[in-house]
Amino acid sequence: MDDREFEELTKAIADGQPRRRIVKILGVGVLSGLTGLFGSRGDTDARKHKAKAEGKHKAKAQGKHKAKAQGKHKAKAQGVVATTTTKATTTTTKATTTTTKATTTTTKATTTTKATTTTKRPPPPTTTTPPFCGHSTGPNGGCKGACTSAGFTGNQCNPICGNGQFRGACPVGQGGGNPCCNAGYCNPNNFVAGSNGNPVYVGPTSGCP
């Protein structure tokens, strides 16, 4: 037997092939000779190959079983009705607090003080007695002196003040300095020139005829 035939025989024995197959490969006579020749060696190799084959078969069987179990588990999980848990929505409503501020109105008292106006009545007029005004006596030299002080001559003043020919405002001969009828005749400002150049009396005439 050559090496090829020996390896083929060893493989057939290790794989646990039927004896018919082994006989067919080598023949009955050769199998009897080899069995006696190799004895324990063939048995040992056969057991190793058999254990290896059984390990492969077992692993394959376990893989199939595991895949089948996973498939069943997956199918069962898919078949389970999904349970949806709906949480109740809790709405919290906060009470609205309205704070109303009291309006304080401060009314300031307005005190109106009216100024008291005291109207003082003027004192009654004082009656002033004018100084004595006579023909030639009194302020500014009397009537005759006031008229001449205004720029006129004695003769021009005689008709106004009076003399023996004219009565005038201060007639002579009545005595007592021949008083004039109004003290205005003793004021030079009351004598002005008329159209003919003679003096004209323009002062007060109260008390005169």
N, C-alpha and C. Protein backbone atom coordinates (compact mmCIF):
# COMPACT_ATOMS: atom_id res chain seq x y z
N MET A 1 0.87 -1.20 0.00
CA MET A 1 0.00 0.00 0.00
C MET A 1 0.89 1.22 0.00
N ASP A 2 0.57 2.14 -0.87
CA ASP A 2 1.34 3.38 -0.89
C ASP A 2 0.77 4.38 0.09
N ASP A 3 1.44 5.54 0.19
CA ASP A 3 1.03 6.57 1.16
C ASP A 3 -0.35 7.12 0.85
N ARG A 4 -0.69 7.30 -0.39
CA ARG A 4 -2.00 7.86 -0.75
C ARG A 4 -3.10 6.95 -0.27
N GLU A 5 -2.95 5.67 -0.52
CA GLU A 5 -3.95 4.72 -0.10
C GLU A 5 -4.07 4.68 1.41
N PHE A 6 -2.93 4.81 2.09
CA PHE A 6 -2.95 4.78 3.55
C PHE A 6 -3.71 5.99 4.11
N GLU A 7 -3.44 7.18 3.56
CA GLU A 7 -4.12 8.39 4.02
C GLU A 7 -5.60 8.31 3.75
N GLU A 8 -5.97 7.78 2.58
CA GLU A 8 -7.38 7.67 2.24
C GLU A 8 -8.07 6.71 3.20
N LEU A 9 -7.37 5.60 3.54
CA LEU A 9 -7.93 4.65 4.47
C LEU A 9 -8.08 5.25 5.86
N THR A 10 -7.02 5.98 6.29
CA THR A 10 -7.07 6.60 7.63
C THR A 10 -8.19 7.61 7.72
N LYS A 11 -8.39 8.38 6.68
CA LYS A 11 -9.44 9.39 6.66
C LYS A 11 -10.81 8.75 6.70
N ALA A 12 -10.96 7.62 5.96
CA ALA A 12 -12.23 6.93 5.94
C ALA A 12 -12.57 6.37 7.29
N ILE A 13 -11.55 5.86 7.98
CA ILE A 13 -11.78 5.30 9.30
C ILE A 13 -12.10 6.43 10.29
N ALA A 14 -11.36 7.56 10.20
CA ALA A 14 -11.57 8.68 11.14
C ALA A 14 -12.94 9.30 10.94
N ASP A 15 -13.42 9.35 9.70
CA ASP A 15 -14.72 9.96 9.44
C ASP A 15 -15.85 9.03 9.81
N GLY A 16 -15.51 7.80 10.18
CA GLY A 16 -16.54 6.85 10.59
C GLY A 16 -17.39 6.37 9.45
N GLN A 17 -16.76 6.29 8.25
CA GLN A 17 -17.50 5.81 7.09
C GLN A 17 -17.81 4.32 7.24
N PRO A 18 -18.86 3.89 6.56
CA PRO A 18 -19.22 2.46 6.66
C PRO A 18 -18.08 1.57 6.15
N ARG A 19 -18.10 0.37 6.70
CA ARG A 19 -17.05 -0.58 6.32
C ARG A 19 -17.12 -0.91 4.85
N ARG A 20 -18.30 -0.86 4.30
CA ARG A 20 -18.43 -1.15 2.88
C ARG A 20 -17.61 -0.17 2.04
N ARG A 21 -17.68 1.08 2.51
CA ARG A 21 -16.91 2.09 1.79
C ARG A 21 -15.43 1.81 1.88
N ILE A 22 -14.99 1.45 3.09
CA ILE A 22 -13.56 1.16 3.29
C ILE A 22 -13.15 -0.08 2.48
N VAL A 23 -14.04 -1.09 2.48
CA VAL A 23 -13.74 -2.32 1.73
C VAL A 23 -13.68 -2.02 0.26
N LYS A 24 -14.61 -1.20 -0.16
CA LYS A 24 -14.62 -0.85 -1.58
C LYS A 24 -13.35 -0.17 -2.01
N ILE A 25 -12.80 0.66 -1.09
CA ILE A 25 -11.57 1.40 -1.42
C ILE A 25 -10.38 0.46 -1.48
N LEU A 26 -10.23 -0.42 -0.53
CA LEU A 26 -9.00 -1.19 -0.43
C LEU A 26 -9.18 -2.70 -0.66
N GLY A 27 -10.40 -3.17 -0.49
CA GLY A 27 -10.62 -4.61 -0.65
C GLY A 27 -10.56 -5.29 0.71
N VAL A 28 -11.20 -6.46 0.81
CA VAL A 28 -11.30 -7.17 2.08
C VAL A 28 -9.96 -7.68 2.56
N GLY A 29 -9.14 -8.17 1.68
CA GLY A 29 -7.84 -8.70 2.10
C GLY A 29 -6.94 -7.64 2.65
N VAL A 30 -6.93 -6.52 1.99
CA VAL A 30 -6.05 -5.43 2.45
C VAL A 30 -6.54 -4.92 3.80
N LEU A 31 -7.89 -4.77 4.00
CA LEU A 31 -8.43 -4.30 5.27
C LEU A 31 -8.03 -5.20 6.41
N SER A 32 -8.03 -6.55 6.18
CA SER A 32 -7.66 -7.48 7.25
C SER A 32 -6.21 -7.34 7.61
N GLY A 33 -5.39 -7.16 6.59
CA GLY A 33 -3.95 -6.99 6.86
C GLY A 33 -3.67 -5.69 7.56
N LEU A 34 -4.34 -4.63 7.17
CA LEU A 34 -4.09 -3.32 7.77
C LEU A 34 -4.59 -3.29 9.19
N THR A 35 -5.69 -3.92 9.46
CA THR A 35 -6.25 -3.90 10.80
C THR A 35 -5.28 -4.56 11.76
N GLY A 36 -4.68 -5.65 11.34
CA GLY A 36 -3.70 -6.29 12.21
C GLY A 36 -2.41 -5.55 12.28
N LEU A 37 -2.08 -4.88 11.16
CA LEU A 37 -0.79 -4.18 11.12
C LEU A 37 -0.80 -2.94 11.97
N PHE A 38 -1.82 -2.13 11.77
CA PHE A 38 -1.80 -0.82 12.45
C PHE A 38 -2.47 -0.86 13.80
N GLY A 39 -3.36 -1.72 14.05
CA GLY A 39 -3.95 -1.95 15.37
C GLY A 39 -4.36 -0.66 16.08
N SER A 40 -3.63 -0.47 17.18
CA SER A 40 -3.97 0.64 18.08
C SER A 40 -3.81 2.01 17.44
N ARG A 41 -2.85 2.12 16.49
CA ARG A 41 -2.66 3.44 15.84
C ARG A 41 -3.89 3.86 15.09
N GLY A 42 -4.46 2.92 14.36
CA GLY A 42 -5.67 3.28 13.60
C GLY A 42 -6.81 3.61 14.52
N ASP A 43 -6.90 2.84 15.63
CA ASP A 43 -8.00 3.15 16.56
C ASP A 43 -7.86 4.53 17.18
N THR A 44 -6.60 4.86 17.54
CA THR A 44 -6.39 6.18 18.16
C THR A 44 -6.74 7.30 17.20
N ASP A 45 -6.25 7.22 15.95
CA ASP A 45 -6.55 8.26 14.95
C ASP A 45 -8.04 8.31 14.66
N ALA A 46 -8.64 7.13 14.65
CA ALA A 46 -10.08 7.08 14.38
C ALA A 46 -10.85 7.77 15.48
N ARG A 47 -10.43 7.52 16.73
CA ARG A 47 -11.12 8.18 17.83
C ARG A 47 -10.96 9.70 17.77
N LYS A 48 -9.77 10.18 17.43
CA LYS A 48 -9.54 11.61 17.31
C LYS A 48 -10.42 12.23 16.23
N HIS A 49 -10.43 11.59 15.08
CA HIS A 49 -11.24 12.11 13.99
C HIS A 49 -12.71 12.08 14.34
N LYS A 50 -13.11 10.99 15.04
CA LYS A 50 -14.50 10.88 15.44
C LYS A 50 -14.87 11.98 16.42
N ALA A 51 -13.95 12.24 17.43
CA ALA A 51 -14.21 13.29 18.42
C ALA A 51 -14.31 14.66 17.75
N LYS A 52 -13.42 14.84 16.76
CA LYS A 52 -13.43 16.12 16.04
C LYS A 52 -14.74 16.29 15.27
N ALA A 53 -15.15 15.18 14.64
CA ALA A 53 -16.40 15.23 13.87
C ALA A 53 -17.58 15.47 14.79
N GLU A 54 -17.59 14.79 15.95
CA GLU A 54 -18.67 14.99 16.90
C GLU A 54 -18.69 16.42 17.42
N GLY A 55 -17.48 17.01 17.67
CA GLY A 55 -17.42 18.40 18.13
C GLY A 55 -18.03 19.36 17.12
N LYS A 56 -17.68 19.09 15.83
CA LYS A 56 -18.22 19.96 14.77
C LYS A 56 -19.73 19.80 14.70
N HIS A 57 -20.20 18.54 14.80
CA HIS A 57 -21.63 18.29 14.72
C HIS A 57 -22.35 18.95 15.89
N LYS A 58 -21.76 18.81 17.10
CA LYS A 58 -22.36 19.39 18.29
C LYS A 58 -22.42 20.91 18.19
N ALA A 59 -21.30 21.51 17.73
CA ALA A 59 -21.27 22.97 17.59
C ALA A 59 -22.30 23.45 16.58
N LYS A 60 -22.42 22.65 15.48
CA LYS A 60 -23.39 23.02 14.46
C LYS A 60 -24.80 22.92 14.99
N ALA A 61 -25.03 21.82 15.79
CA ALA A 61 -26.36 21.63 16.36
C ALA A 61 -26.69 22.74 17.36
N GLN A 62 -25.70 23.10 18.18
CA GLN A 62 -25.92 24.17 19.15
C GLN A 62 -26.19 25.51 18.46
N GLY A 63 -25.46 25.74 17.36
CA GLY A 63 -25.68 26.99 16.62
C GLY A 63 -27.08 27.06 16.05
N LYS A 64 -27.55 25.90 15.50
CA LYS A 64 -28.90 25.86 14.97
C LYS A 64 -29.92 26.10 16.07
N HIS A 65 -29.69 25.42 17.23
CA HIS A 65 -30.62 25.55 18.34
C HIS A 65 -30.67 27.00 18.86
N LYS A 66 -29.48 27.58 18.95
CA LYS A 66 -29.41 28.96 19.43
C LYS A 66 -30.10 29.92 18.47
N ALA A 67 -29.85 29.73 17.18
CA ALA A 67 -30.48 30.60 16.18
C ALA A 67 -31.98 30.44 16.21
N LYS A 68 -32.44 29.15 16.39
CA LYS A 68 -33.88 28.91 16.44
C LYS A 68 -34.51 29.56 17.65
N ALA A 69 -33.78 29.41 18.81
CA ALA A 69 -34.30 30.01 20.05
C ALA A 69 -34.36 31.54 19.93
N GLN A 70 -33.32 32.13 19.34
CA GLN A 70 -33.33 33.59 19.16
C GLN A 70 -34.45 34.04 18.23
N GLY A 71 -34.69 33.24 17.20
CA GLY A 71 -35.77 33.56 16.26
C GLY A 71 -37.12 33.53 16.95
N LYS A 72 -37.31 32.46 17.79
CA LYS A 72 -38.57 32.37 18.52
C LYS A 72 -38.72 33.55 19.48
N HIS A 73 -37.64 33.90 20.18
CA HIS A 73 -37.69 35.00 21.14
C HIS A 73 -38.01 36.33 20.45
N LYS A 74 -37.38 36.50 19.28
CA LYS A 74 -37.61 37.74 18.53
C LYS A 74 -39.04 37.81 18.04
N ALA A 75 -39.52 36.65 17.54
CA ALA A 75 -40.90 36.63 17.05
C ALA A 75 -41.87 36.89 18.19
N LYS A 76 -41.57 36.29 19.36
CA LYS A 76 -42.44 36.49 20.51
C LYS A 76 -42.43 37.95 20.94
N ALA A 77 -41.21 38.54 20.95
CA ALA A 77 -41.09 39.95 21.33
C ALA A 77 -41.83 40.86 20.37
N GLN A 78 -41.75 40.49 19.06
CA GLN A 78 -42.46 41.31 18.07
C GLN A 78 -43.96 41.14 18.19
N GLY A 79 -44.38 39.96 18.64
CA GLY A 79 -45.81 39.70 18.76
C GLY A 79 -46.43 40.33 19.98
N VAL A 80 -45.61 40.74 20.92
CA VAL A 80 -46.15 41.36 22.13
C VAL A 80 -46.70 42.74 21.80
N VAL A 81 -47.89 42.97 22.22
CA VAL A 81 -48.53 44.28 21.96
C VAL A 81 -47.82 45.35 22.79
N ALA A 82 -47.39 46.37 22.10
CA ALA A 82 -46.71 47.46 22.79
C ALA A 82 -47.68 48.19 23.70
N THR A 83 -47.25 48.37 24.92
CA THR A 83 -48.09 49.05 25.90
C THR A 83 -47.64 50.50 26.02
N THR A 84 -48.52 51.39 25.70
CA THR A 84 -48.20 52.81 25.75
C THR A 84 -48.74 53.39 27.05
N THR A 85 -47.85 53.95 27.82
CA THR A 85 -48.24 54.55 29.10
C THR A 85 -48.40 56.05 28.89
N THR A 86 -49.59 56.50 29.04
CA THR A 86 -49.87 57.93 28.87
C THR A 86 -49.97 58.58 30.24
N LYS A 87 -49.07 59.48 30.47
CA LYS A 87 -49.09 60.19 31.75
C LYS A 87 -50.09 61.34 31.69
N ALA A 88 -50.89 61.39 32.70
CA ALA A 88 -51.87 62.48 32.77
C ALA A 88 -51.16 63.81 32.89
N THR A 89 -51.59 64.73 32.05
CA THR A 89 -50.98 66.07 32.09
C THR A 89 -51.62 66.88 33.20
N THR A 90 -50.79 67.31 34.10
CA THR A 90 -51.28 68.11 35.24
C THR A 90 -51.04 69.57 34.94
N THR A 91 -52.11 70.32 34.85
CA THR A 91 -52.00 71.76 34.57
C THR A 91 -52.18 72.52 35.88
N THR A 92 -51.16 73.25 36.23
CA THR A 92 -51.21 74.04 37.47
C THR A 92 -51.52 75.48 37.12
N THR A 93 -52.63 75.93 37.57
CA THR A 93 -53.04 77.33 37.30
C THR A 93 -52.78 78.16 38.54
N LYS A 94 -51.92 79.12 38.37
CA LYS A 94 -51.60 80.00 39.49
C LYS A 94 -52.65 81.11 39.59
N ALA A 95 -53.12 81.28 40.78
CA ALA A 95 -54.11 82.35 41.01
C ALA A 95 -53.46 83.71 40.80
N THR A 96 -54.14 84.53 40.02
CA THR A 96 -53.62 85.88 39.76
C THR A 96 -54.01 86.80 40.90
N THR A 97 -53.02 87.37 41.52
CA THR A 97 -53.28 88.28 42.64
C THR A 97 -53.18 89.71 42.15
N THR A 98 -54.26 90.42 42.23
CA THR A 98 -54.28 91.83 41.79
C THR A 98 -54.16 92.71 43.02
N THR A 99 -53.12 93.50 43.03
CA THR A 99 -52.90 94.40 44.16
C THR A 99 -53.34 95.80 43.75
N THR A 100 -54.33 96.30 44.43
CA THR A 100 -54.84 97.65 44.12
C THR A 100 -54.32 98.61 45.18
N LYS A 101 -53.55 99.55 44.71
CA LYS A 101 -52.99 100.53 45.63
C LYS A 101 -54.02 101.63 45.87
N ALA A 102 -54.22 101.89 47.13
CA ALA A 102 -55.17 102.96 47.47
C ALA A 102 -54.58 104.31 47.09
N THR A 103 -55.39 105.08 46.40
CA THR A 103 -54.94 106.40 45.97
C THR A 103 -55.22 107.40 47.09
N THR A 104 -54.19 107.98 47.57
CA THR A 104 -54.33 108.96 48.65
C THR A 104 -54.29 110.35 48.05
N THR A 105 -55.37 111.05 48.22
CA THR A 105 -55.45 112.41 47.69
C THR A 105 -55.24 113.38 48.85
N THR A 106 -54.20 114.14 48.72
CA THR A 106 -53.90 115.11 49.76
C THR A 106 -54.39 116.48 49.31
N THR A 107 -55.34 116.98 50.02
CA THR A 107 -55.89 118.29 49.68
C THR A 107 -55.29 119.33 50.61
N LYS A 108 -54.57 120.21 50.02
CA LYS A 108 -53.96 121.25 50.83
C LYS A 108 -54.94 122.42 50.97
N ALA A 109 -55.12 122.79 52.21
CA ALA A 109 -56.03 123.91 52.46
C ALA A 109 -55.37 125.20 52.00
N THR A 110 -56.09 125.90 51.18
CA THR A 110 -55.56 127.16 50.68
C THR A 110 -56.17 128.29 51.49
N THR A 111 -55.32 128.98 52.13
CA THR A 111 -55.78 130.10 52.96
C THR A 111 -55.51 131.39 52.19
N THR A 112 -56.58 132.04 51.86
CA THR A 112 -56.44 133.29 51.13
C THR A 112 -56.59 134.43 52.12
N THR A 113 -55.53 135.13 52.22
CA THR A 113 -55.56 136.27 53.14
C THR A 113 -55.70 137.54 52.32
N LYS A 114 -56.80 138.15 52.49
CA LYS A 114 -57.02 139.40 51.76
C LYS A 114 -56.38 140.54 52.54
N ALA A 115 -55.65 141.27 51.80
CA ALA A 115 -55.00 142.42 52.44
C ALA A 115 -56.07 143.45 52.80
N THR A 116 -56.03 143.81 54.01
CA THR A 116 -56.99 144.82 54.48
C THR A 116 -56.42 146.21 54.19
N THR A 117 -57.13 146.84 53.32
CA THR A 117 -56.69 148.19 52.95
C THR A 117 -57.46 149.20 53.79
N THR A 118 -56.72 149.87 54.54
CA THR A 118 -57.34 150.91 55.38
C THR A 118 -57.20 152.26 54.68
N THR A 119 -58.31 152.74 54.27
CA THR A 119 -58.29 154.02 53.57
C THR A 119 -58.44 155.14 54.60
N LYS A 120 -57.39 155.82 54.70
CA LYS A 120 -57.42 156.94 55.65
C LYS A 120 -58.03 158.15 54.97
N ARG A 121 -58.99 158.62 55.61
CA ARG A 121 -59.61 159.83 55.07
C ARG A 121 -58.70 161.03 55.33
N PRO A 122 -58.58 161.81 54.30
CA PRO A 122 -57.73 162.99 54.50
C PRO A 122 -58.33 163.91 55.57
N PRO A 123 -57.49 164.47 56.30
CA PRO A 123 -57.99 165.38 57.34
C PRO A 123 -58.77 166.52 56.71
N PRO A 124 -59.68 167.01 57.41
CA PRO A 124 -60.47 168.12 56.86
C PRO A 124 -59.55 169.29 56.48
N PRO A 125 -59.91 169.91 55.43
CA PRO A 125 -59.04 171.01 54.98
C PRO A 125 -58.86 172.08 56.08
N THR A 126 -57.64 172.44 56.14
CA THR A 126 -57.33 173.48 57.13
C THR A 126 -57.56 174.85 56.50
N THR A 127 -58.36 175.59 57.14
CA THR A 127 -58.64 176.94 56.61
C THR A 127 -57.49 177.86 56.99
N THR A 128 -56.77 178.14 55.92
CA THR A 128 -55.63 179.02 56.16
C THR A 128 -56.03 180.46 55.82
N THR A 129 -55.88 181.20 56.76
CA THR A 129 -56.22 182.62 56.53
C THR A 129 -55.05 183.27 55.81
N PRO A 130 -55.28 183.70 54.57
CA PRO A 130 -54.17 184.31 53.83
C PRO A 130 -53.68 185.58 54.55
N PRO A 131 -52.45 185.83 54.31
CA PRO A 131 -51.93 187.08 54.93
C PRO A 131 -52.70 188.32 54.43
N PHE A 132 -52.65 189.27 55.21
CA PHE A 132 -53.39 190.50 54.84
C PHE A 132 -52.82 191.09 53.56
N CYS A 133 -53.76 191.44 52.65
CA CYS A 133 -53.36 192.06 51.38
C CYS A 133 -54.14 193.38 51.25
N GLY A 134 -53.39 194.45 51.30
CA GLY A 134 -54.04 195.79 51.22
C GLY A 134 -53.57 196.52 49.96
N HIS A 135 -54.01 197.72 49.87
CA HIS A 135 -53.67 198.51 48.67
C HIS A 135 -52.17 198.66 48.50
N SER A 136 -51.50 199.07 49.58
CA SER A 136 -50.06 199.26 49.46
C SER A 136 -49.33 198.52 50.57
N THR A 137 -50.05 197.65 51.30
CA THR A 137 -49.44 196.88 52.37
C THR A 137 -49.76 195.39 52.14
N GLY A 138 -48.88 194.54 52.68
CA GLY A 138 -49.07 193.10 52.51
C GLY A 138 -47.92 192.51 51.69
N PRO A 139 -48.06 191.26 51.32
CA PRO A 139 -46.98 190.61 50.54
C PRO A 139 -46.71 191.38 49.26
N ASN A 140 -45.46 191.47 48.90
CA ASN A 140 -44.99 192.11 47.67
C ASN A 140 -45.37 193.62 47.60
N GLY A 141 -45.63 194.15 48.80
CA GLY A 141 -45.95 195.59 48.81
C GLY A 141 -47.39 195.88 48.50
N GLY A 142 -48.27 194.89 48.77
CA GLY A 142 -49.69 195.09 48.52
C GLY A 142 -50.01 194.97 47.03
N CYS A 143 -51.22 195.43 46.71
CA CYS A 143 -51.66 195.34 45.31
C CYS A 143 -50.81 196.23 44.41
N LYS A 144 -50.54 197.42 44.86
CA LYS A 144 -49.79 198.36 44.02
C LYS A 144 -48.36 197.85 43.82
N GLY A 145 -47.78 197.28 44.87
CA GLY A 145 -46.41 196.79 44.74
C GLY A 145 -46.35 195.56 43.84
N ALA A 146 -47.33 194.65 43.91
CA ALA A 146 -47.32 193.44 43.08
C ALA A 146 -47.50 193.80 41.61
N CYS A 147 -48.35 194.79 41.32
CA CYS A 147 -48.61 195.16 39.92
C CYS A 147 -47.38 195.80 39.29
N THR A 148 -46.73 196.70 40.04
CA THR A 148 -45.53 197.33 39.49
C THR A 148 -44.40 196.31 39.36
N SER A 149 -44.39 195.27 40.24
CA SER A 149 -43.35 194.23 40.15
C SER A 149 -43.53 193.41 38.88
N ALA A 150 -44.75 193.40 38.33
CA ALA A 150 -45.00 192.63 37.10
C ALA A 150 -44.56 193.42 35.86
N GLY A 151 -44.07 194.65 36.07
CA GLY A 151 -43.54 195.40 34.93
C GLY A 151 -44.42 196.54 34.45
N PHE A 152 -45.34 196.95 35.29
CA PHE A 152 -46.21 198.06 34.89
C PHE A 152 -45.94 199.29 35.77
N THR A 153 -46.45 200.41 35.28
CA THR A 153 -46.24 201.66 36.04
C THR A 153 -47.35 201.84 37.06
N GLY A 154 -47.14 202.72 38.03
CA GLY A 154 -48.15 202.99 39.06
C GLY A 154 -49.45 203.46 38.47
N ASN A 155 -49.36 204.33 37.45
CA ASN A 155 -50.57 204.86 36.83
C ASN A 155 -51.34 203.74 36.11
N GLN A 156 -50.57 202.77 35.52
CA GLN A 156 -51.24 201.67 34.83
C GLN A 156 -51.93 200.72 35.85
N CYS A 157 -51.39 200.72 37.08
CA CYS A 157 -51.94 199.82 38.09
C CYS A 157 -53.09 200.46 38.87
N ASN A 158 -53.25 201.77 38.79
CA ASN A 158 -54.30 202.46 39.58
C ASN A 158 -55.71 201.94 39.27
N PRO A 159 -56.07 201.72 38.02
CA PRO A 159 -57.44 201.25 37.75
C PRO A 159 -57.72 199.89 38.40
N ILE A 160 -56.68 199.05 38.62
CA ILE A 160 -56.88 197.72 39.19
C ILE A 160 -56.87 197.81 40.73
N CYS A 161 -55.86 198.51 41.29
CA CYS A 161 -55.72 198.56 42.74
C CYS A 161 -56.63 199.66 43.37
N GLY A 162 -56.89 200.70 42.62
CA GLY A 162 -57.75 201.79 43.12
C GLY A 162 -56.92 203.00 43.58
N ASN A 163 -57.54 204.14 43.49
CA ASN A 163 -56.97 205.40 44.01
C ASN A 163 -58.13 206.38 44.16
N GLY A 164 -57.86 207.57 44.27
CA GLY A 164 -58.93 208.54 44.46
C GLY A 164 -59.84 208.60 43.25
N GLN A 165 -59.34 208.26 42.07
CA GLN A 165 -60.13 208.36 40.85
C GLN A 165 -60.85 207.02 40.56
N PHE A 166 -60.14 205.90 40.83
CA PHE A 166 -60.73 204.57 40.55
C PHE A 166 -60.92 203.83 41.87
N ARG A 167 -62.09 203.14 41.99
CA ARG A 167 -62.34 202.38 43.21
C ARG A 167 -61.37 201.23 43.28
N GLY A 168 -61.30 200.40 42.30
CA GLY A 168 -60.41 199.28 42.22
C GLY A 168 -60.76 198.20 43.23
N ALA A 169 -59.87 197.19 43.35
CA ALA A 169 -60.08 196.07 44.26
C ALA A 169 -59.72 196.43 45.69
N CYS A 170 -58.92 197.51 45.86
CA CYS A 170 -58.49 197.93 47.20
C CYS A 170 -58.78 199.44 47.32
N PRO A 171 -60.02 199.75 47.44
CA PRO A 171 -60.34 201.21 47.45
C PRO A 171 -59.68 201.95 48.61
N VAL A 172 -59.19 203.08 48.29
CA VAL A 172 -58.51 203.90 49.32
C VAL A 172 -59.55 204.68 50.11
N GLY A 173 -59.18 205.06 51.27
CA GLY A 173 -60.06 205.89 52.08
C GLY A 173 -60.90 205.06 53.01
N GLN A 174 -60.80 203.72 52.95
CA GLN A 174 -61.62 202.92 53.85
C GLN A 174 -60.89 202.66 55.16
N GLY A 175 -59.63 203.05 55.21
CA GLY A 175 -58.86 202.90 56.42
C GLY A 175 -58.39 201.47 56.59
N GLY A 176 -57.60 201.28 57.66
CA GLY A 176 -57.11 199.92 57.98
C GLY A 176 -56.21 199.37 56.93
N GLY A 177 -55.49 200.20 56.22
CA GLY A 177 -54.57 199.73 55.17
C GLY A 177 -55.27 199.48 53.85
N ASN A 178 -56.58 199.84 53.82
CA ASN A 178 -57.34 199.66 52.58
C ASN A 178 -57.23 198.21 52.03
N PRO A 179 -57.81 197.27 52.76
CA PRO A 179 -57.69 195.86 52.34
C PRO A 179 -58.30 195.60 50.96
N CYS A 180 -57.68 194.66 50.26
CA CYS A 180 -58.18 194.24 48.92
C CYS A 180 -59.26 193.18 49.13
N CYS A 181 -60.12 193.00 48.14
CA CYS A 181 -61.19 192.00 48.23
C CYS A 181 -60.69 190.57 48.13
N ASN A 182 -59.50 190.35 47.59
CA ASN A 182 -58.92 189.00 47.49
C ASN A 182 -57.42 189.13 47.60
N ALA A 183 -56.83 188.13 48.29
CA ALA A 183 -55.39 188.20 48.51
C ALA A 183 -54.61 187.96 47.23
N GLY A 184 -55.30 187.49 46.18
CA GLY A 184 -54.61 187.23 44.91
C GLY A 184 -54.04 188.49 44.30
N TYR A 185 -54.51 189.62 44.74
CA TYR A 185 -54.02 190.89 44.17
C TYR A 185 -52.62 191.20 44.67
N CYS A 186 -52.15 190.50 45.66
CA CYS A 186 -50.79 190.75 46.14
C CYS A 186 -49.78 189.81 45.47
N ASN A 187 -50.21 189.12 44.42
CA ASN A 187 -49.31 188.17 43.73
C ASN A 187 -48.96 188.74 42.35
N PRO A 188 -47.68 188.97 42.07
CA PRO A 188 -47.29 189.57 40.78
C PRO A 188 -47.65 188.69 39.57
N ASN A 189 -47.76 187.37 39.79
CA ASN A 189 -48.06 186.47 38.65
C ASN A 189 -49.50 186.63 38.14
N ASN A 190 -50.31 187.28 38.88
CA ASN A 190 -51.71 187.46 38.48
C ASN A 190 -51.91 188.71 37.61
N PHE A 191 -50.83 189.30 37.24
CA PHE A 191 -50.93 190.51 36.41
C PHE A 191 -50.24 190.24 35.07
N VAL A 192 -51.01 190.41 33.97
CA VAL A 192 -50.46 190.20 32.63
C VAL A 192 -50.82 191.40 31.75
N ALA A 193 -50.08 191.56 30.67
CA ALA A 193 -50.33 192.71 29.77
C ALA A 193 -51.49 192.43 28.85
N GLY A 194 -52.37 193.38 28.68
CA GLY A 194 -53.51 193.23 27.78
C GLY A 194 -53.14 193.64 26.37
N SER A 195 -54.13 193.74 25.51
CA SER A 195 -53.90 194.05 24.09
C SER A 195 -53.37 195.48 23.91
N ASN A 196 -53.74 196.32 24.81
CA ASN A 196 -53.27 197.71 24.71
C ASN A 196 -52.02 197.97 25.52
N GLY A 197 -51.51 196.90 26.15
CA GLY A 197 -50.27 197.03 26.93
C GLY A 197 -50.51 197.32 28.38
N ASN A 198 -51.73 197.55 28.80
CA ASN A 198 -52.03 197.83 30.19
C ASN A 198 -52.20 196.50 30.94
N PRO A 199 -51.98 196.52 32.25
CA PRO A 199 -52.11 195.27 33.02
C PRO A 199 -53.55 194.80 33.12
N VAL A 200 -53.66 193.46 33.16
CA VAL A 200 -54.98 192.82 33.32
C VAL A 200 -54.83 191.80 34.47
N TYR A 201 -55.74 191.85 35.44
CA TYR A 201 -55.66 190.92 36.57
C TYR A 201 -56.32 189.60 36.15
N VAL A 202 -55.62 188.47 36.35
CA VAL A 202 -56.14 187.17 35.96
C VAL A 202 -56.24 186.24 37.16
N GLY A 203 -56.04 186.68 38.40
CA GLY A 203 -56.07 185.85 39.60
C GLY A 203 -57.49 185.66 40.12
N PRO A 204 -57.63 185.02 41.32
CA PRO A 204 -58.94 184.76 41.90
C PRO A 204 -59.65 186.07 42.28
N THR A 205 -60.95 185.96 42.22
CA THR A 205 -61.76 187.17 42.49
C THR A 205 -62.84 186.89 43.55
N SER A 206 -62.66 185.75 44.28
CA SER A 206 -63.67 185.43 45.28
C SER A 206 -63.72 186.53 46.36
N GLY A 207 -64.94 186.96 46.69
CA GLY A 207 -65.14 188.01 47.68
C GLY A 207 -65.13 189.40 47.11
N CYS A 208 -64.88 189.46 45.79
CA CYS A 208 -64.84 190.80 45.18
C CYS A 208 -66.19 191.10 44.50
N PRO A 209 -66.59 192.40 44.46
CA PRO A 209 -67.87 192.80 43.82
C PRO A 209 -67.83 192.57 42.31
